[in-house]
Amino acid sequence: MKYTVVFHRTEEGISVSVPGLPGCWSEGDTEEEALTNIQDAIREYLAAVAEMNRDRETHEIDVAV
């Protein structure tokens, strides 16, 4: 899967958010570290969503953009 990520650079490092996954953030001292960390955060975010919805009826759909 591909997600758009947004970099927020400060003197303390780089924070990264995922606009398509509200509340999904991470950070790193370098761009490479921030990207690695946000990949982990995305996996954890999606696992938490799957767990919250495991007893609910769900469907997958394709959307052309």
N, C-alpha and C. Protein backbone atom coordinates (compact mmCIF):
# COMPACT_ATOMS: atom_id res chain seq x y z
N MET A 1 0.84 -1.17 0.00
CA MET A 1 0.00 0.00 0.00
C MET A 1 0.89 1.24 0.00
N LYS A 2 0.39 2.28 -0.58
CA LYS A 2 1.11 3.55 -0.58
C LYS A 2 0.31 4.57 0.19
N TYR A 3 1.00 5.35 1.00
CA TYR A 3 0.38 6.44 1.76
C TYR A 3 1.18 7.71 1.55
N THR A 4 0.49 8.82 1.46
CA THR A 4 1.15 10.12 1.43
C THR A 4 1.55 10.46 2.85
N VAL A 5 2.79 10.91 3.03
CA VAL A 5 3.26 11.36 4.34
C VAL A 5 3.71 12.81 4.23
N VAL A 6 3.58 13.53 5.32
CA VAL A 6 3.94 14.95 5.35
C VAL A 6 5.04 15.14 6.39
N PHE A 7 6.13 15.79 5.97
CA PHE A 7 7.24 16.07 6.87
C PHE A 7 7.03 17.40 7.58
N HIS A 8 7.34 17.42 8.86
CA HIS A 8 7.27 18.62 9.68
C HIS A 8 8.66 18.77 10.30
N ARG A 9 9.48 19.65 9.71
CA ARG A 9 10.88 19.79 10.15
C ARG A 9 10.99 20.87 11.23
N THR A 10 11.73 20.52 12.29
CA THR A 10 12.02 21.47 13.36
C THR A 10 13.49 21.36 13.71
N GLU A 11 13.95 22.18 14.62
CA GLU A 11 15.33 22.08 15.08
C GLU A 11 15.59 20.79 15.83
N GLU A 12 14.53 20.17 16.34
CA GLU A 12 14.66 18.94 17.13
C GLU A 12 14.64 17.67 16.29
N GLY A 13 14.27 17.78 15.01
CA GLY A 13 14.21 16.60 14.16
C GLY A 13 13.08 16.72 13.16
N ILE A 14 12.62 15.57 12.72
CA ILE A 14 11.57 15.53 11.70
C ILE A 14 10.40 14.71 12.22
N SER A 15 9.24 15.33 12.25
CA SER A 15 8.00 14.61 12.55
C SER A 15 7.34 14.28 11.22
N VAL A 16 6.62 13.18 11.19
CA VAL A 16 5.95 12.74 9.96
C VAL A 16 4.52 12.37 10.30
N SER A 17 3.57 12.86 9.50
CA SER A 17 2.18 12.48 9.69
C SER A 17 1.64 11.84 8.41
N VAL A 18 0.53 11.14 8.56
CA VAL A 18 -0.13 10.49 7.43
C VAL A 18 -1.54 11.06 7.34
N PRO A 19 -1.79 11.99 6.42
CA PRO A 19 -3.10 12.63 6.33
C PRO A 19 -4.26 11.63 6.17
N GLY A 20 -4.04 10.52 5.50
CA GLY A 20 -5.08 9.53 5.29
C GLY A 20 -5.37 8.66 6.50
N LEU A 21 -4.52 8.77 7.54
CA LEU A 21 -4.70 7.99 8.77
C LEU A 21 -4.65 8.96 9.95
N PRO A 22 -5.76 9.60 10.28
CA PRO A 22 -5.76 10.63 11.33
C PRO A 22 -5.14 10.14 12.64
N GLY A 23 -4.23 10.92 13.15
CA GLY A 23 -3.56 10.58 14.41
C GLY A 23 -2.32 9.72 14.24
N CYS A 24 -2.00 9.34 13.02
CA CYS A 24 -0.82 8.52 12.77
C CYS A 24 0.38 9.43 12.56
N TRP A 25 1.28 9.47 13.54
CA TRP A 25 2.46 10.31 13.53
C TRP A 25 3.68 9.50 13.95
N SER A 26 4.84 9.96 13.56
CA SER A 26 6.10 9.43 14.08
C SER A 26 7.15 10.51 13.92
N GLU A 27 8.40 10.17 14.22
CA GLU A 27 9.46 11.15 14.12
C GLU A 27 10.80 10.46 13.96
N GLY A 28 11.82 11.25 13.67
CA GLY A 28 13.16 10.75 13.56
C GLY A 28 14.15 11.89 13.49
N ASP A 29 15.40 11.59 13.75
CA ASP A 29 16.46 12.60 13.67
C ASP A 29 16.82 12.92 12.23
N THR A 30 16.62 11.95 11.34
CA THR A 30 16.93 12.13 9.93
C THR A 30 15.70 11.75 9.10
N GLU A 31 15.71 12.13 7.83
CA GLU A 31 14.60 11.78 6.94
C GLU A 31 14.46 10.26 6.84
N GLU A 32 15.57 9.57 6.70
CA GLU A 32 15.55 8.11 6.59
C GLU A 32 14.96 7.47 7.85
N GLU A 33 15.38 7.94 9.01
CA GLU A 33 14.86 7.40 10.27
C GLU A 33 13.37 7.70 10.42
N ALA A 34 12.97 8.91 10.05
CA ALA A 34 11.56 9.29 10.14
C ALA A 34 10.70 8.40 9.23
N LEU A 35 11.19 8.12 8.01
CA LEU A 35 10.44 7.26 7.10
C LEU A 35 10.34 5.83 7.61
N THR A 36 11.42 5.32 8.16
CA THR A 36 11.39 3.98 8.75
C THR A 36 10.40 3.93 9.90
N ASN A 37 10.43 4.95 10.76
CA ASN A 37 9.55 4.98 11.92
C ASN A 37 8.09 5.13 11.53
N ILE A 38 7.79 5.91 10.49
CA ILE A 38 6.39 6.08 10.09
C ILE A 38 5.86 4.79 9.46
N GLN A 39 6.72 4.03 8.81
CA GLN A 39 6.28 2.73 8.28
C GLN A 39 5.82 1.83 9.42
N ASP A 40 6.59 1.81 10.51
CA ASP A 40 6.19 1.02 11.69
C ASP A 40 4.89 1.56 12.27
N ALA A 41 4.76 2.88 12.35
CA ALA A 41 3.56 3.49 12.91
C ALA A 41 2.33 3.16 12.06
N ILE A 42 2.49 3.14 10.74
CA ILE A 42 1.37 2.80 9.85
C ILE A 42 0.94 1.35 10.09
N ARG A 43 1.90 0.45 10.17
CA ARG A 43 1.58 -0.96 10.44
C ARG A 43 0.83 -1.11 11.76
N GLU A 44 1.32 -0.45 12.80
CA GLU A 44 0.68 -0.53 14.11
C GLU A 44 -0.72 0.10 14.09
N TYR A 45 -0.87 1.21 13.38
CA TYR A 45 -2.16 1.88 13.25
C TYR A 45 -3.17 0.95 12.58
N LEU A 46 -2.77 0.34 11.45
CA LEU A 46 -3.67 -0.54 10.72
C LEU A 46 -4.01 -1.79 11.53
N ALA A 47 -3.06 -2.31 12.29
CA ALA A 47 -3.33 -3.46 13.14
C ALA A 47 -4.33 -3.10 14.24
N ALA A 48 -4.21 -1.91 14.81
CA ALA A 48 -5.14 -1.47 15.84
C ALA A 48 -6.55 -1.29 15.27
N VAL A 49 -6.65 -0.73 14.07
CA VAL A 49 -7.95 -0.57 13.42
C VAL A 49 -8.57 -1.94 13.13
N ALA A 50 -7.77 -2.88 12.64
CA ALA A 50 -8.27 -4.23 12.36
C ALA A 50 -8.77 -4.89 13.64
N GLU A 51 -8.05 -4.72 14.72
CA GLU A 51 -8.46 -5.30 16.00
C GLU A 51 -9.76 -4.69 16.49
N MET A 52 -9.90 -3.36 16.36
CA MET A 52 -11.12 -2.69 16.82
C MET A 52 -12.34 -3.14 16.01
N ASN A 53 -12.12 -3.56 14.78
CA ASN A 53 -13.22 -3.92 13.90
C ASN A 53 -13.36 -5.42 13.66
N ARG A 54 -12.64 -6.22 14.41
CA ARG A 54 -12.60 -7.65 14.11
C ARG A 54 -13.95 -8.34 14.25
N ASP A 55 -14.82 -7.85 15.10
CA ASP A 55 -16.13 -8.48 15.27
C ASP A 55 -17.22 -7.79 14.46
N ARG A 56 -16.84 -6.91 13.57
CA ARG A 56 -17.81 -6.18 12.75
C ARG A 56 -17.76 -6.69 11.32
N GLU A 57 -18.89 -6.54 10.63
CA GLU A 57 -18.92 -6.90 9.22
C GLU A 57 -18.15 -5.84 8.43
N THR A 58 -17.16 -6.28 7.67
CA THR A 58 -16.36 -5.34 6.87
C THR A 58 -16.27 -5.84 5.43
N HIS A 59 -15.99 -4.92 4.52
CA HIS A 59 -15.82 -5.22 3.10
C HIS A 59 -14.64 -4.41 2.57
N GLU A 60 -13.97 -4.92 1.57
CA GLU A 60 -12.94 -4.17 0.88
C GLU A 60 -13.49 -3.73 -0.45
N ILE A 61 -13.14 -2.50 -0.86
CA ILE A 61 -13.58 -1.98 -2.15
C ILE A 61 -12.40 -1.37 -2.88
N ASP A 62 -12.47 -1.34 -4.19
CA ASP A 62 -11.47 -0.66 -5.01
C ASP A 62 -12.02 0.71 -5.39
N VAL A 63 -11.17 1.71 -5.30
CA VAL A 63 -11.55 3.06 -5.67
C VAL A 63 -10.51 3.59 -6.65
N ALA A 64 -10.96 4.00 -7.82
CA ALA A 64 -10.06 4.58 -8.81
C ALA A 64 -9.94 6.08 -8.55
N VAL A 65 -8.71 6.56 -8.53
CA VAL A 65 -8.48 7.98 -8.29
C VAL A 65 -7.85 8.59 -9.51
